[in-house]
Amino acid sequence: MKHWFFGACFLSALPLMVKAQEQDSLFHDAGIYTTIQWSAGGPAVVTPQFWVYIGDYYLEARYNYENSETASLYFGRSFSFGKNTWIELTPMLGGVAGSTSGISPGFNFNLEYKSFVTSTQCQYTFDLKDFPNSFFWDWTNFSFNFSDHFGMGGAVQLFIPQSGEKNISAGPMIVLGYKKLSLEMYVYNFWERQPTYALGIVYDFNQSSDD
């Protein structure tokens, strides 16, 4: 019941946040990123993320990210600089509830230089219910955008549990974009007999529909 409650709260709050962005510049650069990840050996996992900037502050909600049937909410402050090369660093602290419950300090990092784009989500999640299940997580991707509608690159996911062996997944990425919508396609560990596939759908509320 907890995950259905979170989903209902998330969906009901979303129109209010978007409307606030349209009416007040205090709320800006809102977006939704939904990942569908699957492999031949298991079921598909859907991971929605929603974020919005409030002035220089940053708010992000996630579901199924730290664990299945787990909700998290992050709050931090964004620091950005650069002209030819744009860099943004957002340190943040999150609360996690569900199959994993605890706190999760981390940061988001973004860099853009000409046609090159890279981003990182990095965190250490402390599971306060079962501390040995705490873990370090890093997801980094990069791409070269050949036009406003097409790019290619790669991604690396690093998972290091408090107890157990680390897991590294890596593979190529293709990006397709049209107006406010982007589609990212990943194949992790494509050299294995059963690679992992992922589809990321991005909707940017701030992007001009004329682009």
N, C-alpha and C. Protein backbone atom coordinates (compact mmCIF):
# COMPACT_ATOMS: atom_id res chain seq x y z
N MET A 1 0.82 -1.21 0.00
CA MET A 1 0.00 0.00 0.00
C MET A 1 0.85 1.26 0.00
N LYS A 2 2.06 1.19 0.59
CA LYS A 2 2.89 2.38 0.67
C LYS A 2 3.27 2.90 -0.71
N HIS A 3 3.62 1.97 -1.65
CA HIS A 3 4.06 2.44 -2.94
C HIS A 3 2.91 3.02 -3.75
N TRP A 4 1.68 2.49 -3.55
CA TRP A 4 0.53 3.09 -4.23
C TRP A 4 0.24 4.48 -3.67
N PHE A 5 0.43 4.65 -2.36
CA PHE A 5 0.20 5.96 -1.75
C PHE A 5 1.19 6.99 -2.29
N PHE A 6 2.47 6.58 -2.40
CA PHE A 6 3.46 7.49 -2.94
C PHE A 6 3.14 7.86 -4.38
N GLY A 7 2.74 6.86 -5.19
CA GLY A 7 2.42 7.13 -6.58
C GLY A 7 1.27 8.11 -6.72
N ALA A 8 0.25 7.96 -5.87
CA ALA A 8 -0.89 8.88 -5.91
C ALA A 8 -0.47 10.30 -5.53
N CYS A 9 0.37 10.42 -4.50
CA CYS A 9 0.86 11.74 -4.08
C CYS A 9 1.72 12.37 -5.17
N PHE A 10 2.55 11.55 -5.80
CA PHE A 10 3.43 12.03 -6.86
C PHE A 10 2.61 12.58 -8.03
N LEU A 11 1.63 11.81 -8.49
CA LEU A 11 0.83 12.22 -9.64
C LEU A 11 -0.03 13.43 -9.33
N SER A 12 -0.56 13.51 -8.09
CA SER A 12 -1.40 14.64 -7.73
C SER A 12 -0.60 15.92 -7.57
N ALA A 13 0.65 15.81 -7.13
CA ALA A 13 1.48 17.00 -6.92
C ALA A 13 2.07 17.51 -8.22
N LEU A 14 2.23 16.65 -9.22
CA LEU A 14 2.88 17.03 -10.46
C LEU A 14 2.21 18.19 -11.18
N PRO A 15 0.88 18.18 -11.40
CA PRO A 15 0.27 19.33 -12.08
C PRO A 15 0.45 20.64 -11.31
N LEU A 16 0.45 20.57 -9.98
CA LEU A 16 0.63 21.78 -9.18
C LEU A 16 2.02 22.35 -9.36
N MET A 17 3.04 21.48 -9.41
CA MET A 17 4.40 21.94 -9.58
C MET A 17 4.60 22.55 -10.97
N VAL A 18 4.03 21.91 -11.99
CA VAL A 18 4.16 22.41 -13.35
C VAL A 18 3.44 23.74 -13.51
N LYS A 19 2.24 23.86 -12.91
CA LYS A 19 1.50 25.10 -12.98
C LYS A 19 2.25 26.21 -12.26
N ALA A 20 2.87 25.88 -11.13
CA ALA A 20 3.66 26.87 -10.40
C ALA A 20 4.83 27.34 -11.23
N GLN A 21 5.46 26.43 -11.99
CA GLN A 21 6.57 26.83 -12.83
C GLN A 21 6.13 27.81 -13.90
N GLU A 22 4.93 27.57 -14.48
CA GLU A 22 4.43 28.44 -15.53
C GLU A 22 4.09 29.83 -15.01
N GLN A 23 3.69 29.93 -13.73
CA GLN A 23 3.23 31.20 -13.19
C GLN A 23 4.31 31.97 -12.44
N ASP A 24 5.33 31.29 -11.94
CA ASP A 24 6.31 31.92 -11.07
C ASP A 24 7.69 31.40 -11.43
N SER A 25 8.62 32.32 -11.74
CA SER A 25 9.95 31.92 -12.14
C SER A 25 10.73 31.30 -10.99
N LEU A 26 10.21 31.36 -9.76
CA LEU A 26 10.88 30.70 -8.64
C LEU A 26 11.00 29.21 -8.91
N PHE A 27 9.97 28.62 -9.51
CA PHE A 27 9.99 27.21 -9.91
C PHE A 27 10.42 27.15 -11.38
N HIS A 28 11.46 26.39 -11.68
CA HIS A 28 11.94 26.36 -13.06
C HIS A 28 12.65 25.04 -13.35
N ASP A 29 12.85 24.80 -14.64
CA ASP A 29 13.59 23.64 -15.13
C ASP A 29 13.08 22.32 -14.56
N ALA A 30 11.77 22.15 -14.55
CA ALA A 30 11.18 20.89 -14.10
C ALA A 30 11.27 19.85 -15.21
N GLY A 31 11.33 18.59 -14.81
CA GLY A 31 11.40 17.52 -15.81
C GLY A 31 11.01 16.18 -15.22
N ILE A 32 10.72 15.24 -16.09
CA ILE A 32 10.40 13.86 -15.71
C ILE A 32 11.34 12.93 -16.47
N TYR A 33 11.91 11.97 -15.77
CA TYR A 33 12.76 10.95 -16.40
C TYR A 33 12.25 9.59 -15.93
N THR A 34 11.81 8.78 -16.86
CA THR A 34 11.30 7.45 -16.53
C THR A 34 12.14 6.40 -17.24
N THR A 35 12.69 5.47 -16.46
CA THR A 35 13.51 4.40 -17.02
C THR A 35 12.76 3.07 -16.95
N ILE A 36 12.81 2.33 -18.04
CA ILE A 36 12.31 0.96 -18.08
C ILE A 36 13.51 0.06 -18.35
N GLN A 37 13.84 -0.78 -17.38
CA GLN A 37 15.03 -1.63 -17.50
C GLN A 37 14.64 -3.10 -17.38
N TRP A 38 15.21 -3.94 -18.26
CA TRP A 38 14.84 -5.35 -18.24
C TRP A 38 15.99 -6.19 -18.82
N SER A 39 15.93 -7.47 -18.52
CA SER A 39 16.84 -8.45 -19.10
C SER A 39 16.08 -9.75 -19.27
N ALA A 40 16.68 -10.70 -19.98
CA ALA A 40 15.99 -11.97 -20.24
C ALA A 40 15.77 -12.76 -18.96
N GLY A 41 16.55 -12.47 -17.94
CA GLY A 41 16.46 -13.26 -16.71
C GLY A 41 15.53 -12.71 -15.65
N GLY A 42 14.82 -11.60 -15.92
CA GLY A 42 13.97 -11.02 -14.88
C GLY A 42 12.93 -10.09 -15.44
N PRO A 43 12.02 -9.61 -14.58
CA PRO A 43 10.95 -8.72 -15.02
C PRO A 43 11.45 -7.30 -15.27
N ALA A 44 10.68 -6.53 -16.00
CA ALA A 44 11.02 -5.13 -16.26
C ALA A 44 10.79 -4.31 -14.99
N VAL A 45 11.65 -3.32 -14.77
CA VAL A 45 11.53 -2.42 -13.63
C VAL A 45 11.35 -1.00 -14.16
N VAL A 46 10.30 -0.33 -13.71
CA VAL A 46 10.00 1.04 -14.12
C VAL A 46 10.40 1.98 -13.00
N THR A 47 11.24 2.97 -13.32
CA THR A 47 11.77 3.89 -12.32
C THR A 47 11.46 5.33 -12.74
N PRO A 48 10.41 5.94 -12.19
CA PRO A 48 10.12 7.35 -12.51
C PRO A 48 10.89 8.29 -11.59
N GLN A 49 11.33 9.42 -12.15
CA GLN A 49 11.97 10.49 -11.40
C GLN A 49 11.37 11.82 -11.83
N PHE A 50 11.13 12.68 -10.87
CA PHE A 50 10.63 14.02 -11.17
C PHE A 50 11.47 15.03 -10.40
N TRP A 51 11.88 16.11 -11.06
CA TRP A 51 12.67 17.13 -10.39
C TRP A 51 12.17 18.53 -10.75
N VAL A 52 12.46 19.47 -9.88
CA VAL A 52 12.15 20.87 -10.12
C VAL A 52 13.14 21.72 -9.33
N TYR A 53 13.52 22.84 -9.91
CA TYR A 53 14.38 23.80 -9.22
C TYR A 53 13.50 24.87 -8.57
N ILE A 54 13.86 25.23 -7.34
CA ILE A 54 13.15 26.28 -6.61
C ILE A 54 14.19 27.35 -6.31
N GLY A 55 14.30 28.33 -7.20
CA GLY A 55 15.41 29.26 -7.11
C GLY A 55 16.69 28.50 -7.39
N ASP A 56 17.65 28.58 -6.47
CA ASP A 56 18.90 27.82 -6.59
C ASP A 56 18.81 26.46 -5.92
N TYR A 57 17.66 26.13 -5.36
CA TYR A 57 17.50 24.86 -4.66
C TYR A 57 16.88 23.81 -5.59
N TYR A 58 17.06 22.56 -5.20
CA TYR A 58 16.70 21.46 -6.09
C TYR A 58 15.91 20.41 -5.32
N LEU A 59 14.82 19.95 -5.92
CA LEU A 59 13.97 18.93 -5.31
C LEU A 59 13.76 17.80 -6.31
N GLU A 60 13.97 16.57 -5.86
CA GLU A 60 13.81 15.42 -6.75
C GLU A 60 13.11 14.27 -6.03
N ALA A 61 12.12 13.70 -6.69
CA ALA A 61 11.40 12.53 -6.16
C ALA A 61 11.69 11.34 -7.06
N ARG A 62 11.88 10.17 -6.44
CA ARG A 62 12.19 8.94 -7.19
C ARG A 62 11.34 7.79 -6.66
N TYR A 63 11.16 6.80 -7.52
CA TYR A 63 10.48 5.58 -7.09
C TYR A 63 11.14 4.38 -7.77
N ASN A 64 11.36 3.30 -7.02
CA ASN A 64 12.03 2.10 -7.52
C ASN A 64 13.50 2.37 -7.87
N TYR A 65 14.08 3.43 -7.36
CA TYR A 65 15.46 3.78 -7.70
C TYR A 65 16.44 3.09 -6.75
N GLU A 66 16.31 3.33 -5.46
CA GLU A 66 17.22 2.71 -4.49
C GLU A 66 16.92 1.22 -4.30
N ASN A 67 15.67 0.85 -4.48
CA ASN A 67 15.25 -0.55 -4.36
C ASN A 67 13.85 -0.65 -4.93
N SER A 68 13.37 -1.86 -5.14
CA SER A 68 12.00 -2.03 -5.61
C SER A 68 11.02 -1.61 -4.52
N GLU A 69 9.90 -1.05 -4.93
CA GLU A 69 8.86 -0.57 -4.02
C GLU A 69 9.45 0.34 -2.94
N THR A 70 10.31 1.23 -3.37
CA THR A 70 10.97 2.18 -2.47
C THR A 70 10.86 3.58 -3.04
N ALA A 71 10.44 4.52 -2.22
CA ALA A 71 10.30 5.93 -2.61
C ALA A 71 11.42 6.74 -1.94
N SER A 72 11.85 7.78 -2.62
CA SER A 72 12.87 8.66 -2.05
C SER A 72 12.61 10.10 -2.47
N LEU A 73 13.03 11.01 -1.61
CA LEU A 73 12.87 12.44 -1.87
C LEU A 73 14.18 13.13 -1.51
N TYR A 74 14.74 13.87 -2.47
CA TYR A 74 16.03 14.53 -2.29
C TYR A 74 15.87 16.05 -2.34
N PHE A 75 16.68 16.72 -1.54
CA PHE A 75 16.69 18.18 -1.52
C PHE A 75 18.14 18.65 -1.48
N GLY A 76 18.47 19.61 -2.31
CA GLY A 76 19.84 20.11 -2.34
C GLY A 76 19.92 21.50 -2.92
N ARG A 77 21.14 21.95 -3.15
CA ARG A 77 21.37 23.27 -3.71
C ARG A 77 22.24 23.14 -4.96
N SER A 78 21.84 23.86 -5.99
CA SER A 78 22.54 23.79 -7.27
C SER A 78 23.58 24.90 -7.38
N PHE A 79 24.77 24.54 -7.83
CA PHE A 79 25.84 25.50 -8.11
C PHE A 79 26.23 25.32 -9.58
N SER A 80 26.09 26.37 -10.36
CA SER A 80 26.42 26.27 -11.78
C SER A 80 27.31 27.45 -12.19
N PHE A 81 28.18 27.18 -13.15
CA PHE A 81 29.09 28.22 -13.63
C PHE A 81 29.61 27.82 -15.00
N GLY A 82 30.22 28.79 -15.66
CA GLY A 82 30.81 28.53 -16.97
C GLY A 82 29.99 29.15 -18.08
N LYS A 83 30.67 29.49 -19.17
CA LYS A 83 30.01 30.06 -20.32
C LYS A 83 30.16 29.13 -21.52
N ASN A 84 31.40 28.98 -22.02
CA ASN A 84 31.63 28.03 -23.12
C ASN A 84 31.46 26.59 -22.64
N THR A 85 31.90 26.34 -21.42
CA THR A 85 31.69 25.05 -20.78
C THR A 85 30.78 25.25 -19.57
N TRP A 86 29.61 24.64 -19.60
CA TRP A 86 28.65 24.81 -18.50
C TRP A 86 28.76 23.63 -17.55
N ILE A 87 28.92 23.93 -16.27
CA ILE A 87 29.05 22.91 -15.24
C ILE A 87 28.04 23.17 -14.13
N GLU A 88 27.39 22.12 -13.68
CA GLU A 88 26.44 22.21 -12.57
C GLU A 88 26.73 21.10 -11.57
N LEU A 89 26.83 21.48 -10.30
CA LEU A 89 27.02 20.52 -9.22
C LEU A 89 25.92 20.74 -8.19
N THR A 90 25.23 19.66 -7.82
CA THR A 90 24.11 19.75 -6.88
C THR A 90 24.30 18.75 -5.75
N PRO A 91 24.94 19.14 -4.65
CA PRO A 91 24.96 18.26 -3.47
C PRO A 91 23.58 18.19 -2.84
N MET A 92 23.18 17.03 -2.33
CA MET A 92 21.83 16.88 -1.81
C MET A 92 21.76 15.77 -0.78
N LEU A 93 20.67 15.77 -0.04
CA LEU A 93 20.42 14.76 0.98
C LEU A 93 19.02 14.22 0.77
N GLY A 94 18.89 12.89 0.81
CA GLY A 94 17.59 12.29 0.56
C GLY A 94 17.11 11.41 1.69
N GLY A 95 15.80 11.29 1.77
CA GLY A 95 15.17 10.33 2.67
C GLY A 95 14.59 9.20 1.85
N VAL A 96 14.75 7.96 2.32
CA VAL A 96 14.34 6.77 1.57
C VAL A 96 13.39 5.95 2.43
N ALA A 97 12.29 5.48 1.84
CA ALA A 97 11.31 4.69 2.59
C ALA A 97 10.74 3.59 1.70
N GLY A 98 10.58 2.40 2.28
CA GLY A 98 10.03 1.27 1.54
C GLY A 98 10.82 0.01 1.83
N SER A 99 11.16 -0.75 0.79
CA SER A 99 11.97 -1.95 0.98
C SER A 99 13.33 -1.60 1.58
N THR A 100 13.84 -0.42 1.23
CA THR A 100 15.01 0.17 1.87
C THR A 100 14.57 1.45 2.55
N SER A 101 14.95 1.65 3.81
CA SER A 101 14.57 2.85 4.55
C SER A 101 15.80 3.44 5.21
N GLY A 102 16.03 4.73 4.99
CA GLY A 102 17.19 5.37 5.59
C GLY A 102 17.43 6.75 5.02
N ILE A 103 18.70 7.14 4.99
CA ILE A 103 19.10 8.43 4.44
C ILE A 103 20.12 8.21 3.34
N SER A 104 20.21 9.19 2.43
CA SER A 104 21.04 8.98 1.25
C SER A 104 21.68 10.30 0.81
N PRO A 105 22.87 10.63 1.30
CA PRO A 105 23.58 11.80 0.78
C PRO A 105 24.16 11.51 -0.60
N GLY A 106 24.22 12.51 -1.44
CA GLY A 106 24.74 12.32 -2.78
C GLY A 106 24.87 13.62 -3.53
N PHE A 107 25.10 13.52 -4.82
CA PHE A 107 25.18 14.72 -5.66
C PHE A 107 24.84 14.37 -7.10
N ASN A 108 24.38 15.37 -7.83
CA ASN A 108 24.22 15.30 -9.28
C ASN A 108 25.27 16.21 -9.91
N PHE A 109 25.83 15.77 -11.03
CA PHE A 109 26.83 16.55 -11.75
C PHE A 109 26.47 16.57 -13.22
N ASN A 110 26.51 17.75 -13.84
CA ASN A 110 26.23 17.90 -15.26
C ASN A 110 27.29 18.78 -15.91
N LEU A 111 27.68 18.42 -17.12
CA LEU A 111 28.66 19.21 -17.87
C LEU A 111 28.27 19.22 -19.33
N GLU A 112 28.34 20.40 -19.93
CA GLU A 112 28.07 20.54 -21.36
C GLU A 112 29.18 21.36 -22.00
N TYR A 113 29.77 20.82 -23.05
CA TYR A 113 30.79 21.54 -23.82
C TYR A 113 30.57 21.26 -25.29
N LYS A 114 30.11 22.28 -26.01
CA LYS A 114 29.78 22.15 -27.42
C LYS A 114 28.81 20.98 -27.61
N SER A 115 29.22 19.94 -28.35
CA SER A 115 28.30 18.82 -28.60
C SER A 115 28.43 17.72 -27.57
N PHE A 116 29.33 17.89 -26.59
CA PHE A 116 29.57 16.85 -25.58
C PHE A 116 28.76 17.13 -24.32
N VAL A 117 28.06 16.10 -23.83
CA VAL A 117 27.24 16.21 -22.62
C VAL A 117 27.52 15.01 -21.73
N THR A 118 27.70 15.25 -20.43
CA THR A 118 27.85 14.15 -19.49
C THR A 118 27.12 14.47 -18.19
N SER A 119 26.64 13.45 -17.51
CA SER A 119 25.94 13.65 -16.24
C SER A 119 26.22 12.47 -15.32
N THR A 120 26.17 12.74 -14.02
CA THR A 120 26.43 11.72 -13.01
C THR A 120 25.41 11.87 -11.88
N GLN A 121 24.87 10.74 -11.41
CA GLN A 121 24.13 10.68 -10.15
C GLN A 121 24.90 9.76 -9.23
N CYS A 122 25.35 10.30 -8.09
CA CYS A 122 26.21 9.55 -7.19
C CYS A 122 25.65 9.67 -5.77
N GLN A 123 25.65 8.57 -5.01
CA GLN A 123 25.07 8.59 -3.67
C GLN A 123 25.60 7.44 -2.82
N TYR A 124 25.48 7.60 -1.51
CA TYR A 124 25.68 6.48 -0.60
C TYR A 124 24.41 6.38 0.24
N THR A 125 23.73 5.26 0.13
CA THR A 125 22.46 5.06 0.81
C THR A 125 22.68 4.22 2.07
N PHE A 126 22.36 4.81 3.23
CA PHE A 126 22.46 4.11 4.51
C PHE A 126 21.11 3.49 4.83
N ASP A 127 21.04 2.16 4.83
CA ASP A 127 19.82 1.46 5.17
C ASP A 127 19.75 1.34 6.69
N LEU A 128 18.88 2.13 7.31
CA LEU A 128 18.81 2.17 8.77
C LEU A 128 18.06 0.96 9.34
N LYS A 129 17.31 0.24 8.50
CA LYS A 129 16.64 -0.98 8.97
C LYS A 129 17.60 -2.17 8.95
N ASP A 130 18.49 -2.19 7.98
CA ASP A 130 19.41 -3.31 7.82
C ASP A 130 20.72 -2.75 7.27
N PHE A 131 21.61 -2.30 8.17
CA PHE A 131 22.79 -1.56 7.77
C PHE A 131 23.67 -2.30 6.77
N PRO A 132 23.84 -3.63 6.87
CA PRO A 132 24.66 -4.33 5.86
C PRO A 132 24.14 -4.19 4.44
N ASN A 133 22.88 -3.78 4.26
CA ASN A 133 22.33 -3.55 2.93
C ASN A 133 22.59 -2.14 2.41
N SER A 134 23.33 -1.32 3.15
CA SER A 134 23.73 0.00 2.67
C SER A 134 24.62 -0.16 1.44
N PHE A 135 24.65 0.87 0.60
CA PHE A 135 25.41 0.72 -0.65
C PHE A 135 25.83 2.07 -1.23
N PHE A 136 26.88 2.00 -2.05
CA PHE A 136 27.32 3.14 -2.87
C PHE A 136 26.81 2.92 -4.28
N TRP A 137 26.36 4.01 -4.92
CA TRP A 137 25.81 3.92 -6.28
C TRP A 137 26.28 5.10 -7.11
N ASP A 138 26.69 4.82 -8.34
CA ASP A 138 27.07 5.88 -9.28
C ASP A 138 26.57 5.50 -10.66
N TRP A 139 25.89 6.45 -11.29
CA TRP A 139 25.42 6.26 -12.67
C TRP A 139 25.91 7.44 -13.48
N THR A 140 26.80 7.17 -14.43
CA THR A 140 27.38 8.21 -15.27
C THR A 140 27.11 7.88 -16.73
N ASN A 141 26.65 8.88 -17.47
CA ASN A 141 26.52 8.69 -18.92
C ASN A 141 27.08 9.90 -19.66
N PHE A 142 27.40 9.70 -20.92
CA PHE A 142 27.93 10.77 -21.76
C PHE A 142 27.44 10.56 -23.18
N SER A 143 27.39 11.65 -23.94
CA SER A 143 26.98 11.53 -25.33
C SER A 143 27.55 12.69 -26.14
N PHE A 144 27.74 12.43 -27.42
CA PHE A 144 28.08 13.46 -28.39
C PHE A 144 26.84 13.69 -29.24
N ASN A 145 26.33 14.91 -29.21
CA ASN A 145 25.09 15.22 -29.92
C ASN A 145 25.44 15.75 -31.31
N PHE A 146 25.10 14.98 -32.33
CA PHE A 146 25.41 15.35 -33.70
C PHE A 146 24.39 16.34 -34.27
N SER A 147 23.24 16.43 -33.63
CA SER A 147 22.21 17.41 -33.98
C SER A 147 21.30 17.58 -32.78
N ASP A 148 20.27 18.40 -32.91
CA ASP A 148 19.29 18.56 -31.82
C ASP A 148 18.45 17.31 -31.63
N HIS A 149 18.54 16.38 -32.57
CA HIS A 149 17.65 15.22 -32.54
C HIS A 149 18.37 13.87 -32.41
N PHE A 150 19.71 13.88 -32.43
CA PHE A 150 20.40 12.59 -32.42
C PHE A 150 21.75 12.70 -31.73
N GLY A 151 22.05 11.72 -30.86
CA GLY A 151 23.34 11.66 -30.19
C GLY A 151 23.71 10.22 -29.88
N MET A 152 25.00 9.99 -29.64
CA MET A 152 25.49 8.65 -29.29
C MET A 152 26.53 8.78 -28.19
N GLY A 153 26.59 7.77 -27.33
CA GLY A 153 27.55 7.80 -26.24
C GLY A 153 27.56 6.49 -25.49
N GLY A 154 27.72 6.58 -24.17
CA GLY A 154 27.78 5.38 -23.35
C GLY A 154 27.40 5.68 -21.92
N ALA A 155 27.30 4.63 -21.12
CA ALA A 155 26.90 4.77 -19.72
C ALA A 155 27.58 3.71 -18.88
N VAL A 156 27.83 4.06 -17.62
CA VAL A 156 28.42 3.14 -16.65
C VAL A 156 27.62 3.22 -15.36
N GLN A 157 27.27 2.08 -14.79
CA GLN A 157 26.61 2.00 -13.50
C GLN A 157 27.50 1.20 -12.55
N LEU A 158 27.77 1.78 -11.38
CA LEU A 158 28.63 1.14 -10.39
C LEU A 158 27.86 0.96 -9.08
N PHE A 159 27.75 -0.28 -8.63
CA PHE A 159 27.04 -0.61 -7.39
C PHE A 159 28.01 -1.33 -6.45
N ILE A 160 28.25 -0.74 -5.26
CA ILE A 160 29.16 -1.33 -4.27
C ILE A 160 28.39 -1.49 -2.96
N PRO A 161 27.95 -2.69 -2.62
CA PRO A 161 27.21 -2.89 -1.37
C PRO A 161 28.14 -2.88 -0.17
N GLN A 162 27.55 -2.58 1.00
CA GLN A 162 28.31 -2.60 2.25
C GLN A 162 28.93 -3.98 2.49
N SER A 163 28.18 -5.00 2.14
CA SER A 163 28.68 -6.37 2.24
C SER A 163 28.39 -7.08 0.92
N GLY A 164 29.41 -7.63 0.31
CA GLY A 164 29.21 -8.29 -0.97
C GLY A 164 30.12 -7.72 -2.04
N GLU A 165 30.01 -8.26 -3.24
CA GLU A 165 30.87 -7.86 -4.33
C GLU A 165 30.27 -6.69 -5.11
N LYS A 166 31.16 -5.84 -5.62
CA LYS A 166 30.70 -4.72 -6.44
C LYS A 166 30.23 -5.21 -7.80
N ASN A 167 29.38 -4.43 -8.42
CA ASN A 167 28.83 -4.78 -9.72
C ASN A 167 29.00 -3.58 -10.65
N ILE A 168 29.57 -3.81 -11.82
CA ILE A 168 29.75 -2.75 -12.81
C ILE A 168 29.01 -3.13 -14.08
N SER A 169 28.18 -2.21 -14.56
CA SER A 169 27.47 -2.40 -15.83
C SER A 169 27.84 -1.25 -16.76
N ALA A 170 28.15 -1.56 -18.00
CA ALA A 170 28.54 -0.53 -18.96
C ALA A 170 28.04 -0.90 -20.35
N GLY A 171 27.84 0.12 -21.17
CA GLY A 171 27.38 -0.15 -22.52
C GLY A 171 27.10 1.11 -23.31
N PRO A 172 26.77 0.98 -24.58
CA PRO A 172 26.50 2.13 -25.44
C PRO A 172 25.12 2.73 -25.19
N MET A 173 24.97 3.97 -25.66
CA MET A 173 23.71 4.69 -25.50
C MET A 173 23.43 5.46 -26.79
N ILE A 174 22.17 5.49 -27.18
CA ILE A 174 21.71 6.31 -28.31
C ILE A 174 20.63 7.25 -27.80
N VAL A 175 20.70 8.52 -28.22
CA VAL A 175 19.75 9.54 -27.78
C VAL A 175 18.99 10.09 -28.99
N LEU A 176 17.66 10.09 -28.89
CA LEU A 176 16.80 10.70 -29.90
C LEU A 176 15.99 11.80 -29.24
N GLY A 177 15.88 12.95 -29.87
CA GLY A 177 15.15 14.06 -29.26
C GLY A 177 14.22 14.74 -30.24
N TYR A 178 13.09 15.20 -29.72
CA TYR A 178 12.15 15.97 -30.52
C TYR A 178 11.39 16.91 -29.61
N LYS A 179 11.60 18.21 -29.78
CA LYS A 179 10.97 19.23 -28.97
C LYS A 179 11.23 18.98 -27.48
N LYS A 180 10.20 18.77 -26.66
CA LYS A 180 10.39 18.60 -25.23
C LYS A 180 10.67 17.16 -24.80
N LEU A 181 10.66 16.24 -25.78
CA LEU A 181 10.76 14.82 -25.46
C LEU A 181 12.08 14.25 -25.96
N SER A 182 12.72 13.43 -25.12
CA SER A 182 13.94 12.73 -25.50
C SER A 182 13.80 11.25 -25.17
N LEU A 183 14.46 10.43 -25.96
CA LEU A 183 14.45 8.99 -25.78
C LEU A 183 15.89 8.51 -25.71
N GLU A 184 16.23 7.79 -24.63
CA GLU A 184 17.57 7.26 -24.45
C GLU A 184 17.50 5.73 -24.43
N MET A 185 18.36 5.10 -25.22
CA MET A 185 18.36 3.63 -25.31
C MET A 185 19.73 3.11 -24.91
N TYR A 186 19.75 2.15 -23.97
CA TYR A 186 20.99 1.60 -23.42
C TYR A 186 21.02 0.09 -23.60
N VAL A 187 22.24 -0.45 -23.77
CA VAL A 187 22.46 -1.90 -23.70
C VAL A 187 23.67 -2.10 -22.78
N TYR A 188 23.39 -2.56 -21.55
CA TYR A 188 24.47 -2.76 -20.57
C TYR A 188 25.05 -4.17 -20.69
N ASN A 189 26.38 -4.24 -20.62
CA ASN A 189 27.09 -5.53 -20.68
C ASN A 189 26.64 -6.35 -21.89
N PHE A 190 26.71 -5.71 -23.05
CA PHE A 190 26.22 -6.34 -24.29
C PHE A 190 27.03 -7.57 -24.68
N TRP A 191 28.22 -7.73 -24.11
CA TRP A 191 29.05 -8.88 -24.41
C TRP A 191 28.61 -10.15 -23.66
N GLU A 192 27.71 -9.99 -22.69
CA GLU A 192 27.24 -11.14 -21.95
C GLU A 192 26.10 -11.84 -22.70
N ARG A 193 25.83 -13.08 -22.29
CA ARG A 193 24.78 -13.85 -22.97
C ARG A 193 23.40 -13.25 -22.75
N GLN A 194 23.19 -12.64 -21.56
CA GLN A 194 21.92 -11.98 -21.26
C GLN A 194 22.20 -10.54 -20.82
N PRO A 195 22.37 -9.63 -21.78
CA PRO A 195 22.62 -8.22 -21.41
C PRO A 195 21.38 -7.58 -20.81
N THR A 196 21.57 -6.43 -20.23
CA THR A 196 20.47 -5.66 -19.66
C THR A 196 20.14 -4.50 -20.58
N TYR A 197 18.86 -4.32 -20.87
CA TYR A 197 18.40 -3.25 -21.75
C TYR A 197 17.68 -2.19 -20.91
N ALA A 198 17.80 -0.95 -21.34
CA ALA A 198 17.11 0.13 -20.64
C ALA A 198 16.63 1.17 -21.64
N LEU A 199 15.46 1.69 -21.36
CA LEU A 199 14.86 2.75 -22.17
C LEU A 199 14.53 3.91 -21.26
N GLY A 200 15.10 5.07 -21.53
CA GLY A 200 14.84 6.25 -20.72
C GLY A 200 14.02 7.26 -21.49
N ILE A 201 12.94 7.75 -20.89
CA ILE A 201 12.06 8.73 -21.52
C ILE A 201 12.13 10.02 -20.71
N VAL A 202 12.55 11.11 -21.36
CA VAL A 202 12.74 12.40 -20.69
C VAL A 202 11.74 13.41 -21.23
N TYR A 203 11.05 14.10 -20.32
CA TYR A 203 10.18 15.20 -20.72
C TYR A 203 10.63 16.45 -19.98
N ASP A 204 11.04 17.47 -20.73
CA ASP A 204 11.56 18.71 -20.16
C ASP A 204 10.50 19.80 -20.29
N PHE A 205 9.91 20.18 -19.16
CA PHE A 205 8.85 21.19 -19.19
C PHE A 205 9.37 22.57 -19.61
N ASN A 206 10.66 22.79 -19.44
CA ASN A 206 11.24 24.10 -19.70
C ASN A 206 11.70 24.27 -21.15
N GLN A 207 11.84 23.15 -21.88
CA GLN A 207 12.34 23.20 -23.23
C GLN A 207 11.32 23.83 -24.16
N SER A 208 11.78 24.71 -25.05
CA SER A 208 10.88 25.34 -26.00
C SER A 208 10.37 24.32 -26.99
N SER A 209 9.07 24.34 -27.25
CA SER A 209 8.47 23.39 -28.19
C SER A 209 8.84 23.71 -29.62
N ASP A 210 9.48 24.87 -29.87
CA ASP A 210 9.88 25.24 -31.22
C ASP A 210 11.24 24.69 -31.60
N ASP A 211 11.97 24.09 -30.60
CA ASP A 211 13.33 23.60 -30.86
C ASP A 211 13.30 22.39 -31.78
